[in-house]
Amino acid sequence: MAIKLKSPWEIERMREAGALLTEVVEEVGRHVEPGITTKELDRIAYEAIKKRKAKPAFLGLYGFPATLCTSVNEVVVHGIPSEEPLKEGDILSVDVGLIYGGFAADMARTFPVGRVSPEAERLIRDTEAAFFEGLKYLRPGFRIGDVAHAVQTFLESRGYGVVREFVGHGG
């Protein structure tokens, strides 16, 4: 399989899409607090994406009914927003994508809901650090498998496991 290199113009459009998505995730994050529903966060994300003249990438994809994937606590990935209010101490993973200028951007971030346990704080901190460990290998000469291996090795060294069914889903 040949690698298709992007032109400088395409790279700039991708950068713009990513910057807009960062703004959307930050806007959603400002609303994460006990009592809000993930359905309401989904509405906030939808409006934030539309305000930026972009299109939600997940809405309708393979029949997915929302703009956000919202995974609360032990839900691993691709949770569907609901009317269940978030509670103090929950952890919320938000996965969102948008399409801007013909280019897709996709990102996930985990937020504490109010005050969380030391274990939850550690999980959030360690998974963020694992991301940066993987990022070290995201450059010429390395493969996606090198990124995934770095993430997995880092997390396993801290006592976490990997959900094998999702290996290849970004790490």
N, C-alpha and C. Protein backbone atom coordinates (compact mmCIF):
# COMPACT_ATOMS: atom_id res chain seq x y z
N MET A 1 0.85 -1.18 0.00
CA MET A 1 0.00 0.00 0.00
C MET A 1 0.89 1.24 0.00
N ALA A 2 0.67 2.12 -0.94
CA ALA A 2 1.46 3.34 -1.06
C ALA A 2 0.95 4.40 -0.09
N ILE A 3 1.86 5.18 0.42
CA ILE A 3 1.52 6.29 1.30
C ILE A 3 1.31 7.52 0.42
N LYS A 4 0.15 8.16 0.59
CA LYS A 4 -0.15 9.37 -0.18
C LYS A 4 0.25 10.58 0.65
N LEU A 5 1.23 11.31 0.19
CA LEU A 5 1.69 12.50 0.90
C LEU A 5 0.73 13.65 0.66
N LYS A 6 0.50 14.42 1.70
CA LYS A 6 -0.38 15.58 1.60
C LYS A 6 0.41 16.80 1.13
N SER A 7 -0.26 17.65 0.37
CA SER A 7 0.36 18.90 -0.08
C SER A 7 0.37 19.89 1.08
N PRO A 8 1.17 20.94 0.98
CA PRO A 8 1.13 21.98 2.02
C PRO A 8 -0.27 22.56 2.21
N TRP A 9 -1.00 22.73 1.11
CA TRP A 9 -2.38 23.24 1.21
C TRP A 9 -3.25 22.29 2.02
N GLU A 10 -3.15 20.98 1.73
CA GLU A 10 -3.95 19.99 2.45
C GLU A 10 -3.56 19.94 3.93
N ILE A 11 -2.29 20.02 4.22
CA ILE A 11 -1.83 20.01 5.61
C ILE A 11 -2.38 21.22 6.35
N GLU A 12 -2.42 22.36 5.71
CA GLU A 12 -2.97 23.56 6.36
C GLU A 12 -4.47 23.40 6.63
N ARG A 13 -5.21 22.80 5.69
CA ARG A 13 -6.65 22.57 5.92
C ARG A 13 -6.84 21.59 7.09
N MET A 14 -6.01 20.57 7.16
CA MET A 14 -6.08 19.61 8.27
C MET A 14 -5.79 20.32 9.60
N ARG A 15 -4.80 21.20 9.58
CA ARG A 15 -4.46 21.96 10.79
C ARG A 15 -5.64 22.84 11.22
N GLU A 16 -6.28 23.48 10.26
CA GLU A 16 -7.45 24.32 10.57
C GLU A 16 -8.56 23.48 11.18
N ALA A 17 -8.84 22.32 10.59
CA ALA A 17 -9.89 21.45 11.12
C ALA A 17 -9.56 21.04 12.55
N GLY A 18 -8.31 20.69 12.81
CA GLY A 18 -7.90 20.29 14.15
C GLY A 18 -8.01 21.43 15.15
N ALA A 19 -7.66 22.63 14.73
CA ALA A 19 -7.76 23.79 15.62
C ALA A 19 -9.23 24.08 15.98
N LEU A 20 -10.12 23.98 14.98
CA LEU A 20 -11.53 24.19 15.26
C LEU A 20 -12.06 23.13 16.21
N LEU A 21 -11.65 21.89 16.01
CA LEU A 21 -12.12 20.81 16.88
C LEU A 21 -11.61 21.01 18.30
N THR A 22 -10.39 21.49 18.45
CA THR A 22 -9.87 21.79 19.79
C THR A 22 -10.76 22.81 20.49
N GLU A 23 -11.18 23.83 19.76
CA GLU A 23 -12.09 24.83 20.33
C GLU A 23 -13.40 24.19 20.77
N VAL A 24 -13.94 23.29 19.96
CA VAL A 24 -15.20 22.61 20.28
C VAL A 24 -15.05 21.80 21.56
N VAL A 25 -13.97 21.02 21.65
CA VAL A 25 -13.76 20.17 22.84
C VAL A 25 -13.58 21.04 24.09
N GLU A 26 -12.87 22.13 23.95
CA GLU A 26 -12.71 23.04 25.09
C GLU A 26 -14.05 23.63 25.52
N GLU A 27 -14.90 23.96 24.55
CA GLU A 27 -16.23 24.49 24.88
C GLU A 27 -17.06 23.44 25.60
N VAL A 28 -17.04 22.21 25.12
CA VAL A 28 -17.75 21.12 25.80
C VAL A 28 -17.20 20.97 27.22
N GLY A 29 -15.88 20.97 27.34
CA GLY A 29 -15.24 20.77 28.65
C GLY A 29 -15.64 21.82 29.67
N ARG A 30 -15.88 23.04 29.23
CA ARG A 30 -16.30 24.09 30.16
C ARG A 30 -17.67 23.82 30.78
N HIS A 31 -18.44 22.91 30.17
CA HIS A 31 -19.78 22.60 30.67
C HIS A 31 -19.84 21.29 31.46
N VAL A 32 -18.74 20.58 31.54
CA VAL A 32 -18.74 19.30 32.25
C VAL A 32 -18.77 19.58 33.75
N GLU A 33 -19.89 19.20 34.38
CA GLU A 33 -20.06 19.38 35.81
C GLU A 33 -21.18 18.46 36.28
N PRO A 34 -21.22 18.18 37.57
CA PRO A 34 -22.30 17.33 38.07
C PRO A 34 -23.67 17.92 37.70
N GLY A 35 -24.57 17.05 37.25
CA GLY A 35 -25.94 17.45 36.93
C GLY A 35 -26.21 17.63 35.45
N ILE A 36 -25.19 17.91 34.66
CA ILE A 36 -25.43 18.05 33.22
C ILE A 36 -25.55 16.65 32.61
N THR A 37 -26.33 16.55 31.55
CA THR A 37 -26.46 15.26 30.87
C THR A 37 -25.51 15.23 29.67
N THR A 38 -25.15 14.03 29.26
CA THR A 38 -24.30 13.91 28.08
C THR A 38 -25.09 14.30 26.83
N LYS A 39 -26.41 14.18 26.89
CA LYS A 39 -27.25 14.63 25.78
C LYS A 39 -27.12 16.16 25.62
N GLU A 40 -27.07 16.87 26.73
CA GLU A 40 -26.91 18.32 26.68
C GLU A 40 -25.51 18.68 26.16
N LEU A 41 -24.50 17.94 26.58
CA LEU A 41 -23.15 18.17 26.07
C LEU A 41 -23.10 17.92 24.56
N ASP A 42 -23.85 16.93 24.11
CA ASP A 42 -23.93 16.63 22.68
C ASP A 42 -24.52 17.82 21.92
N ARG A 43 -25.56 18.42 22.47
CA ARG A 43 -26.18 19.59 21.84
C ARG A 43 -25.18 20.75 21.77
N ILE A 44 -24.43 20.94 22.86
CA ILE A 44 -23.42 22.01 22.90
C ILE A 44 -22.37 21.77 21.81
N ALA A 45 -21.91 20.53 21.67
CA ALA A 45 -20.92 20.20 20.65
C ALA A 45 -21.48 20.44 19.25
N TYR A 46 -22.71 20.00 19.02
CA TYR A 46 -23.34 20.18 17.70
C TYR A 46 -23.38 21.67 17.33
N GLU A 47 -23.85 22.48 18.26
CA GLU A 47 -23.96 23.92 18.00
C GLU A 47 -22.58 24.55 17.81
N ALA A 48 -21.59 24.12 18.58
CA ALA A 48 -20.24 24.66 18.46
C ALA A 48 -19.64 24.32 17.10
N ILE A 49 -19.88 23.11 16.63
CA ILE A 49 -19.37 22.71 15.31
C ILE A 49 -20.05 23.51 14.21
N LYS A 50 -21.37 23.63 14.27
CA LYS A 50 -22.10 24.38 13.25
C LYS A 50 -21.68 25.86 13.24
N LYS A 51 -21.46 26.43 14.44
CA LYS A 51 -21.03 27.83 14.54
C LYS A 51 -19.71 28.05 13.81
N ARG A 52 -18.90 27.02 13.71
CA ARG A 52 -17.60 27.11 13.05
C ARG A 52 -17.67 26.70 11.58
N LYS A 53 -18.89 26.63 11.05
CA LYS A 53 -19.12 26.29 9.64
C LYS A 53 -18.53 24.93 9.27
N ALA A 54 -18.62 23.99 10.22
CA ALA A 54 -18.15 22.63 10.00
C ALA A 54 -19.32 21.67 10.14
N LYS A 55 -19.06 20.40 9.91
CA LYS A 55 -20.10 19.37 9.98
C LYS A 55 -19.68 18.31 11.00
N PRO A 56 -20.61 17.87 11.86
CA PRO A 56 -20.28 16.78 12.78
C PRO A 56 -19.92 15.52 11.99
N ALA A 57 -18.78 14.94 12.29
CA ALA A 57 -18.31 13.77 11.53
C ALA A 57 -19.00 12.48 11.95
N PHE A 58 -19.43 12.36 13.20
CA PHE A 58 -19.98 11.09 13.69
C PHE A 58 -21.48 10.99 13.49
N LEU A 59 -22.18 12.11 13.50
CA LEU A 59 -23.64 12.11 13.42
C LEU A 59 -24.09 11.42 12.13
N GLY A 60 -24.77 10.31 12.28
CA GLY A 60 -25.27 9.55 11.14
C GLY A 60 -24.29 8.53 10.58
N LEU A 61 -23.04 8.58 11.00
CA LEU A 61 -22.03 7.65 10.51
C LEU A 61 -22.35 6.24 11.01
N TYR A 62 -22.57 5.31 10.09
CA TYR A 62 -22.98 3.94 10.44
C TYR A 62 -24.21 3.95 11.34
N GLY A 63 -25.06 4.96 11.19
CA GLY A 63 -26.27 5.06 11.99
C GLY A 63 -26.07 5.65 13.37
N PHE A 64 -24.86 6.17 13.68
CA PHE A 64 -24.62 6.73 15.03
C PHE A 64 -25.53 7.95 15.22
N PRO A 65 -26.23 8.01 16.38
CA PRO A 65 -27.27 9.02 16.55
C PRO A 65 -26.84 10.35 17.15
N ALA A 66 -25.54 10.60 17.30
CA ALA A 66 -25.12 11.78 18.03
C ALA A 66 -23.87 12.40 17.43
N THR A 67 -23.56 13.59 17.92
CA THR A 67 -22.34 14.31 17.54
C THR A 67 -21.16 13.79 18.35
N LEU A 68 -21.39 13.53 19.63
CA LEU A 68 -20.34 13.06 20.54
C LEU A 68 -20.50 11.58 20.84
N CYS A 69 -19.38 10.93 21.09
CA CYS A 69 -19.37 9.65 21.80
C CYS A 69 -19.04 10.03 23.24
N THR A 70 -19.88 9.64 24.17
CA THR A 70 -19.68 10.02 25.57
C THR A 70 -19.61 8.75 26.41
N SER A 71 -18.43 8.47 26.93
CA SER A 71 -18.21 7.24 27.69
C SER A 71 -17.97 7.61 29.15
N VAL A 72 -18.88 7.18 30.01
CA VAL A 72 -18.84 7.52 31.42
C VAL A 72 -18.29 6.34 32.21
N ASN A 73 -17.31 6.63 33.05
CA ASN A 73 -16.70 5.66 33.96
C ASN A 73 -16.18 4.44 33.23
N GLU A 74 -16.78 3.26 33.46
CA GLU A 74 -16.22 2.03 32.90
C GLU A 74 -16.56 1.79 31.42
N VAL A 75 -17.36 2.63 30.82
CA VAL A 75 -17.64 2.49 29.39
C VAL A 75 -16.35 2.80 28.64
N VAL A 76 -15.88 1.86 27.82
CA VAL A 76 -14.56 1.99 27.20
C VAL A 76 -14.55 3.02 26.09
N VAL A 77 -15.51 2.93 25.16
CA VAL A 77 -15.47 3.81 24.00
C VAL A 77 -16.84 3.80 23.33
N HIS A 78 -17.15 4.87 22.61
CA HIS A 78 -18.33 4.99 21.76
C HIS A 78 -19.66 4.94 22.50
N GLY A 79 -19.68 5.45 23.73
CA GLY A 79 -20.94 5.57 24.45
C GLY A 79 -21.85 6.57 23.76
N ILE A 80 -23.15 6.34 23.86
CA ILE A 80 -24.14 7.21 23.23
C ILE A 80 -24.67 8.19 24.29
N PRO A 81 -24.72 9.48 23.97
CA PRO A 81 -25.23 10.46 24.92
C PRO A 81 -26.63 10.09 25.42
N SER A 82 -26.87 10.39 26.70
CA SER A 82 -28.15 10.05 27.32
C SER A 82 -28.66 11.20 28.19
N GLU A 83 -29.84 10.98 28.74
CA GLU A 83 -30.46 11.96 29.65
C GLU A 83 -30.04 11.74 31.10
N GLU A 84 -29.17 10.78 31.36
CA GLU A 84 -28.70 10.50 32.71
C GLU A 84 -27.72 11.60 33.15
N PRO A 85 -28.02 12.30 34.24
CA PRO A 85 -27.10 13.37 34.67
C PRO A 85 -25.76 12.80 35.15
N LEU A 86 -24.71 13.53 34.85
CA LEU A 86 -23.40 13.16 35.37
C LEU A 86 -23.37 13.42 36.87
N LYS A 87 -22.60 12.59 37.58
CA LYS A 87 -22.52 12.72 39.03
C LYS A 87 -21.11 13.12 39.45
N GLU A 88 -21.04 13.78 40.59
CA GLU A 88 -19.76 14.11 41.21
C GLU A 88 -18.91 12.84 41.28
N GLY A 89 -17.67 12.93 40.81
CA GLY A 89 -16.76 11.80 40.88
C GLY A 89 -16.72 10.95 39.62
N ASP A 90 -17.67 11.17 38.69
CA ASP A 90 -17.61 10.44 37.41
C ASP A 90 -16.39 10.91 36.63
N ILE A 91 -15.97 10.07 35.69
CA ILE A 91 -15.03 10.53 34.67
C ILE A 91 -15.72 10.34 33.33
N LEU A 92 -15.54 11.31 32.47
CA LEU A 92 -16.23 11.34 31.18
C LEU A 92 -15.21 11.44 30.06
N SER A 93 -15.26 10.49 29.14
CA SER A 93 -14.46 10.56 27.93
C SER A 93 -15.37 11.05 26.81
N VAL A 94 -14.93 12.09 26.15
CA VAL A 94 -15.66 12.68 25.03
C VAL A 94 -14.84 12.45 23.77
N ASP A 95 -15.46 11.83 22.78
CA ASP A 95 -14.83 11.58 21.48
C ASP A 95 -15.68 12.32 20.45
N VAL A 96 -15.05 13.14 19.63
CA VAL A 96 -15.80 13.96 18.70
C VAL A 96 -14.98 14.18 17.43
N GLY A 97 -15.69 14.30 16.32
CA GLY A 97 -15.04 14.60 15.06
C GLY A 97 -15.83 15.64 14.30
N LEU A 98 -15.13 16.34 13.41
CA LEU A 98 -15.81 17.29 12.53
C LEU A 98 -15.16 17.23 11.17
N ILE A 99 -15.90 17.74 10.20
CA ILE A 99 -15.39 17.85 8.84
C ILE A 99 -15.42 19.33 8.48
N TYR A 100 -14.27 19.82 8.05
CA TYR A 100 -14.13 21.23 7.71
C TYR A 100 -13.30 21.34 6.43
N GLY A 101 -13.84 22.00 5.43
CA GLY A 101 -13.11 22.16 4.19
C GLY A 101 -12.74 20.85 3.52
N GLY A 102 -13.58 19.83 3.75
CA GLY A 102 -13.33 18.52 3.15
C GLY A 102 -12.38 17.64 3.94
N PHE A 103 -11.91 18.11 5.08
CA PHE A 103 -10.98 17.34 5.89
C PHE A 103 -11.57 17.05 7.26
N ALA A 104 -11.31 15.83 7.74
CA ALA A 104 -11.85 15.39 9.03
C ALA A 104 -10.81 15.56 10.12
N ALA A 105 -11.28 15.92 11.29
CA ALA A 105 -10.47 15.95 12.51
C ALA A 105 -11.24 15.14 13.55
N ASP A 106 -10.52 14.43 14.39
CA ASP A 106 -11.12 13.53 15.38
C ASP A 106 -10.27 13.62 16.64
N MET A 107 -10.91 13.73 17.78
CA MET A 107 -10.16 13.84 19.03
C MET A 107 -10.99 13.32 20.18
N ALA A 108 -10.31 12.89 21.21
CA ALA A 108 -10.97 12.46 22.44
C ALA A 108 -10.25 13.10 23.62
N ARG A 109 -11.01 13.39 24.66
CA ARG A 109 -10.44 13.94 25.88
C ARG A 109 -11.26 13.43 27.06
N THR A 110 -10.59 13.20 28.16
CA THR A 110 -11.27 12.73 29.37
C THR A 110 -11.32 13.85 30.39
N PHE A 111 -12.50 14.03 30.97
CA PHE A 111 -12.73 15.10 31.94
C PHE A 111 -13.17 14.52 33.28
N PRO A 112 -12.67 15.08 34.37
CA PRO A 112 -13.23 14.73 35.67
C PRO A 112 -14.56 15.48 35.83
N VAL A 113 -15.51 14.86 36.48
CA VAL A 113 -16.78 15.52 36.77
C VAL A 113 -16.74 15.93 38.24
N GLY A 114 -16.52 17.21 38.46
CA GLY A 114 -16.35 17.69 39.83
C GLY A 114 -15.09 17.09 40.44
N ARG A 115 -15.18 16.79 41.72
CA ARG A 115 -14.04 16.18 42.43
C ARG A 115 -14.08 14.68 42.19
N VAL A 116 -12.94 14.12 41.81
CA VAL A 116 -12.85 12.69 41.54
C VAL A 116 -11.88 12.04 42.53
N SER A 117 -11.94 10.74 42.60
CA SER A 117 -11.07 9.98 43.51
C SER A 117 -9.61 10.10 43.07
N PRO A 118 -8.69 9.83 43.99
CA PRO A 118 -7.27 9.81 43.60
C PRO A 118 -6.99 8.80 42.49
N GLU A 119 -7.70 7.67 42.50
CA GLU A 119 -7.53 6.66 41.45
C GLU A 119 -7.95 7.20 40.09
N ALA A 120 -9.07 7.92 40.07
CA ALA A 120 -9.54 8.51 38.81
C ALA A 120 -8.57 9.60 38.33
N GLU A 121 -8.07 10.42 39.27
CA GLU A 121 -7.08 11.44 38.91
C GLU A 121 -5.85 10.78 38.30
N ARG A 122 -5.40 9.68 38.90
CA ARG A 122 -4.22 8.96 38.41
C ARG A 122 -4.49 8.40 37.01
N LEU A 123 -5.67 7.82 36.81
CA LEU A 123 -6.02 7.28 35.50
C LEU A 123 -5.97 8.38 34.43
N ILE A 124 -6.58 9.50 34.70
CA ILE A 124 -6.59 10.62 33.75
C ILE A 124 -5.17 11.09 33.47
N ARG A 125 -4.38 11.26 34.51
CA ARG A 125 -3.01 11.73 34.36
C ARG A 125 -2.15 10.72 33.57
N ASP A 126 -2.29 9.43 33.91
CA ASP A 126 -1.48 8.41 33.25
C ASP A 126 -1.86 8.20 31.79
N THR A 127 -3.15 8.28 31.48
CA THR A 127 -3.54 8.11 30.08
C THR A 127 -3.10 9.30 29.24
N GLU A 128 -3.11 10.49 29.82
CA GLU A 128 -2.60 11.65 29.09
C GLU A 128 -1.09 11.50 28.86
N ALA A 129 -0.37 11.05 29.88
CA ALA A 129 1.08 10.84 29.73
C ALA A 129 1.36 9.77 28.68
N ALA A 130 0.52 8.73 28.61
CA ALA A 130 0.68 7.68 27.61
C ALA A 130 0.53 8.24 26.21
N PHE A 131 -0.41 9.15 26.04
CA PHE A 131 -0.57 9.82 24.74
C PHE A 131 0.74 10.47 24.31
N PHE A 132 1.38 11.19 25.24
CA PHE A 132 2.63 11.87 24.90
C PHE A 132 3.78 10.89 24.67
N GLU A 133 3.74 9.74 25.34
CA GLU A 133 4.74 8.70 25.06
C GLU A 133 4.58 8.21 23.62
N GLY A 134 3.35 7.97 23.21
CA GLY A 134 3.10 7.53 21.84
C GLY A 134 3.47 8.59 20.82
N LEU A 135 3.21 9.84 21.16
CA LEU A 135 3.49 10.94 20.25
C LEU A 135 4.97 11.02 19.87
N LYS A 136 5.85 10.54 20.75
CA LYS A 136 7.29 10.54 20.45
C LYS A 136 7.60 9.71 19.20
N TYR A 137 6.74 8.76 18.88
CA TYR A 137 6.97 7.87 17.75
C TYR A 137 6.16 8.25 16.51
N LEU A 138 5.49 9.36 16.56
CA LEU A 138 4.69 9.81 15.43
C LEU A 138 5.53 10.75 14.58
N ARG A 139 6.49 10.13 13.87
CA ARG A 139 7.39 10.89 13.00
C ARG A 139 7.99 9.94 11.97
N PRO A 140 8.63 10.47 10.97
CA PRO A 140 9.19 9.62 9.92
C PRO A 140 10.09 8.51 10.48
N GLY A 141 9.94 7.34 9.88
CA GLY A 141 10.75 6.20 10.29
C GLY A 141 10.05 5.26 11.25
N PHE A 142 8.92 5.68 11.79
CA PHE A 142 8.16 4.85 12.71
C PHE A 142 6.81 4.52 12.10
N ARG A 143 6.17 3.50 12.65
CA ARG A 143 4.86 3.07 12.18
C ARG A 143 3.83 3.26 13.30
N ILE A 144 2.56 3.20 12.92
CA ILE A 144 1.49 3.33 13.91
C ILE A 144 1.64 2.28 15.01
N GLY A 145 2.10 1.09 14.64
CA GLY A 145 2.33 0.05 15.64
C GLY A 145 3.36 0.45 16.69
N ASP A 146 4.33 1.28 16.31
CA ASP A 146 5.32 1.78 17.28
C ASP A 146 4.65 2.73 18.27
N VAL A 147 3.74 3.54 17.77
CA VAL A 147 2.99 4.46 18.63
C VAL A 147 2.16 3.65 19.62
N ALA A 148 1.42 2.67 19.10
CA ALA A 148 0.56 1.84 19.94
C ALA A 148 1.38 1.07 20.98
N HIS A 149 2.53 0.55 20.57
CA HIS A 149 3.38 -0.19 21.50
C HIS A 149 3.86 0.71 22.64
N ALA A 150 4.25 1.94 22.31
CA ALA A 150 4.70 2.87 23.34
C ALA A 150 3.58 3.18 24.33
N VAL A 151 2.38 3.39 23.83
CA VAL A 151 1.23 3.67 24.70
C VAL A 151 0.95 2.46 25.60
N GLN A 152 0.87 1.29 24.99
CA GLN A 152 0.57 0.07 25.74
C GLN A 152 1.64 -0.21 26.80
N THR A 153 2.90 -0.12 26.42
CA THR A 153 3.99 -0.40 27.35
C THR A 153 3.96 0.56 28.54
N PHE A 154 3.73 1.84 28.24
CA PHE A 154 3.67 2.85 29.29
C PHE A 154 2.54 2.54 30.28
N LEU A 155 1.36 2.27 29.74
CA LEU A 155 0.21 2.01 30.62
C LEU A 155 0.35 0.72 31.40
N GLU A 156 0.84 -0.33 30.75
CA GLU A 156 1.03 -1.60 31.47
C GLU A 156 2.07 -1.45 32.58
N SER A 157 3.06 -0.58 32.39
CA SER A 157 4.06 -0.36 33.44
C SER A 157 3.45 0.30 34.67
N ARG A 158 2.27 0.87 34.51
CA ARG A 158 1.57 1.52 35.62
C ARG A 158 0.39 0.69 36.13
N GLY A 159 0.31 -0.54 35.65
CA GLY A 159 -0.70 -1.45 36.18
C GLY A 159 -2.02 -1.49 35.43
N TYR A 160 -2.12 -0.81 34.31
CA TYR A 160 -3.34 -0.83 33.52
C TYR A 160 -3.27 -1.93 32.47
N GLY A 161 -4.42 -2.29 31.93
CA GLY A 161 -4.50 -3.26 30.85
C GLY A 161 -4.98 -2.61 29.58
N VAL A 162 -4.96 -3.39 28.52
CA VAL A 162 -5.40 -2.92 27.21
C VAL A 162 -6.60 -3.76 26.80
N VAL A 163 -7.63 -3.14 26.29
CA VAL A 163 -8.80 -3.84 25.79
C VAL A 163 -8.44 -4.33 24.38
N ARG A 164 -8.13 -5.59 24.29
CA ARG A 164 -7.60 -6.16 23.02
C ARG A 164 -8.57 -5.99 21.86
N GLU A 165 -9.86 -5.99 22.12
CA GLU A 165 -10.83 -5.83 21.04
C GLU A 165 -10.73 -4.48 20.36
N PHE A 166 -10.10 -3.50 21.03
CA PHE A 166 -9.97 -2.17 20.44
C PHE A 166 -8.55 -1.85 20.02
N VAL A 167 -7.67 -2.83 20.06
CA VAL A 167 -6.31 -2.60 19.57
C VAL A 167 -6.43 -2.28 18.08
N GLY A 168 -5.71 -1.25 17.67
CA GLY A 168 -5.84 -0.77 16.30
C GLY A 168 -6.81 0.38 16.20
N HIS A 169 -7.54 0.66 17.26
CA HIS A 169 -8.47 1.79 17.30
C HIS A 169 -7.71 3.00 17.87
N GLY A 170 -6.64 3.36 17.19
CA GLY A 170 -5.84 4.50 17.63
C GLY A 170 -4.84 4.15 18.69
N GLY A 171 -4.60 2.91 18.94
CA GLY A 171 -3.60 2.56 19.94
C GLY A 171 -4.06 1.40 20.64
